[in-house]
Amino acid sequence: MADPLSLQQAILAIVVGTLAAIVYSLRLLFLIERRVANVEEHIERVANNLLKEELKIEKAVGRKVSKGKKKKR
């Protein structure tokens, strides 16, 4: 008959399994973080392209682009 696991072996198996789960979770977190960073870069590019297009349109219409509104007195 096979010997049952001793208490030390059972604890060791639990600790090793827990460490493996932690490593796997960290791996997934890094992959997700990379994807989020990639999405942020794409959003920034789209925003920059929209700003360029908006400036082109305003220039074509002949409207001045003002950085701040001046109050009339």
C-alpha atoms as a PDB file:
ATOM      1  CA  MET A   1       0.000   0.000   0.000  1.00  0.00           C
ATOM      2  CA  ALA A   2       1.135   3.527  -0.719  1.00  0.00           C
ATOM      3  CA  ASP A   3       2.201   5.541   2.258  1.00  0.00           C
ATOM      4  CA  PRO A   4      -0.082   8.477   2.961  1.00  0.00           C
ATOM      5  CA  LEU A   5       1.497  11.902   2.844  1.00  0.00           C
ATOM      6  CA  SER A   6       3.032  12.975   6.063  1.00  0.00           C
ATOM      7  CA  LEU A   7       1.965  16.293   7.534  1.00  0.00           C
ATOM      8  CA  GLN A   8       5.205  17.954   6.387  1.00  0.00           C
ATOM      9  CA  GLN A   9       4.789  16.701   2.840  1.00  0.00           C
ATOM     10  CA  ALA A  10       1.194  17.927   2.741  1.00  0.00           C
ATOM     11  CA  ILE A  11       2.204  21.373   4.002  1.00  0.00           C
ATOM     12  CA  LEU A  12       5.057  21.506   1.480  1.00  0.00           C
ATOM     13  CA  ALA A  13       2.688  20.572  -1.356  1.00  0.00           C
ATOM     14  CA  ILE A  14       0.262  23.314  -0.277  1.00  0.00           C
ATOM     15  CA  VAL A  15       3.054  25.919  -0.091  1.00  0.00           C
ATOM     16  CA  VAL A  16       4.448  24.965  -3.511  1.00  0.00           C
ATOM     17  CA  GLY A  17       0.965  25.045  -5.030  1.00  0.00           C
ATOM     18  CA  THR A  18       0.295  28.461  -3.522  1.00  0.00           C
ATOM     19  CA  LEU A  19       3.594  29.839  -4.853  1.00  0.00           C
ATOM     20  CA  ALA A  20       2.804  28.480  -8.314  1.00  0.00           C
ATOM     21  CA  ALA A  21      -0.597  30.189  -8.200  1.00  0.00           C
ATOM     22  CA  ILE A  22       1.027  33.490  -7.175  1.00  0.00           C
ATOM     23  CA  VAL A  23       3.546  33.296 -10.032  1.00  0.00           C
ATOM     24  CA  TYR A  24       0.785  32.517 -12.531  1.00  0.00           C
ATOM     25  CA  SER A  25      -1.325  35.428 -11.255  1.00  0.00           C
ATOM     26  CA  LEU A  26       1.613  37.836 -11.525  1.00  0.00           C
ATOM     27  CA  ARG A  27       2.213  36.671 -15.080  1.00  0.00           C
ATOM     28  CA  LEU A  28      -1.392  37.407 -15.963  1.00  0.00           C
ATOM     29  CA  LEU A  29      -1.208  40.824 -14.299  1.00  0.00           C
ATOM     30  CA  PHE A  30       1.842  41.774 -16.360  1.00  0.00           C
ATOM     31  CA  LEU A  31       0.142  40.663 -19.570  1.00  0.00           C
ATOM     32  CA  ILE A  32      -2.969  42.680 -18.741  1.00  0.00           C
ATOM     33  CA  GLU A  33      -0.857  45.717 -17.816  1.00  0.00           C
ATOM     34  CA  ARG A  34       0.869  45.538 -21.214  1.00  0.00           C
ATOM     35  CA  ARG A  35      -2.480  45.398 -22.984  1.00  0.00           C
ATOM     36  CA  VAL A  36      -3.792  48.382 -21.028  1.00  0.00           C
ATOM     37  CA  ALA A  37      -0.647  50.365 -21.859  1.00  0.00           C
ATOM     38  CA  ASN A  38      -1.128  49.496 -25.527  1.00  0.00           C
ATOM     39  CA  VAL A  39      -4.743  50.662 -25.438  1.00  0.00           C
ATOM     40  CA  GLU A  40      -3.680  53.915 -23.747  1.00  0.00           C
ATOM     41  CA  GLU A  41      -1.133  54.553 -26.515  1.00  0.00           C
ATOM     42  CA  HIS A  42      -3.806  54.008 -29.171  1.00  0.00           C
ATOM     43  CA  ILE A  43      -6.218  56.343 -27.406  1.00  0.00           C
ATOM     44  CA  GLU A  44      -3.513  59.011 -27.211  1.00  0.00           C
ATOM     45  CA  ARG A  45      -2.794  58.653 -30.937  1.00  0.00           C
ATOM     46  CA  VAL A  46      -6.479  58.946 -31.811  1.00  0.00           C
ATOM     47  CA  ALA A  47      -6.811  62.039 -29.616  1.00  0.00           C
ATOM     48  CA  ASN A  48      -3.794  63.638 -31.298  1.00  0.00           C
ATOM     49  CA  ASN A  49      -5.184  62.852 -34.742  1.00  0.00           C
ATOM     50  CA  LEU A  50      -8.536  64.359 -33.781  1.00  0.00           C
ATOM     51  CA  LEU A  51      -6.814  67.508 -32.544  1.00  0.00           C
ATOM     52  CA  LYS A  52      -4.879  67.828 -35.808  1.00  0.00           C
ATOM     53  CA  GLU A  53      -8.067  67.402 -37.836  1.00  0.00           C
ATOM     54  CA  GLU A  54      -9.888  69.938 -35.685  1.00  0.00           C
ATOM     55  CA  LEU A  55      -7.104  72.470 -36.205  1.00  0.00           C
ATOM     56  CA  LYS A  56      -7.190  71.872 -39.968  1.00  0.00           C
ATOM     57  CA  ILE A  57     -10.942  72.409 -40.043  1.00  0.00           C
ATOM     58  CA  GLU A  58     -10.746  75.577 -37.952  1.00  0.00           C
ATOM     59  CA  LYS A  59      -7.980  76.897 -40.188  1.00  0.00           C
ATOM     60  CA  ALA A  60     -10.001  76.111 -43.300  1.00  0.00           C
ATOM     61  CA  VAL A  61     -13.043  77.892 -41.907  1.00  0.00           C
ATOM     62  CA  GLY A  62     -10.899  80.897 -41.088  1.00  0.00           C
ATOM     63  CA  ARG A  63     -11.494  80.911 -37.379  1.00  0.00           C
ATOM     64  CA  LYS A  64      -8.641  81.729 -35.073  1.00  0.00           C
ATOM     65  CA  VAL A  65      -7.730  79.144 -32.510  1.00  0.00           C
ATOM     66  CA  SER A  66      -7.669  80.776 -29.104  1.00  0.00           C
ATOM     67  CA  LYS A  67      -6.056  79.180 -26.092  1.00  0.00           C
ATOM     68  CA  GLY A  68      -8.186  81.183 -23.680  1.00  0.00           C
ATOM     69  CA  LYS A  69     -11.255  83.299 -24.035  1.00  0.00           C
ATOM     70  CA  LYS A  70     -10.907  87.005 -23.415  1.00  0.00           C
ATOM     71  CA  LYS A  71     -13.687  88.840 -21.653  1.00  0.00           C
ATOM     72  CA  LYS A  72     -15.156  91.917 -23.304  1.00  0.00           C
ATOM     73  CA  ARG A  73     -15.421  94.933 -21.040  1.00  0.00           C
END
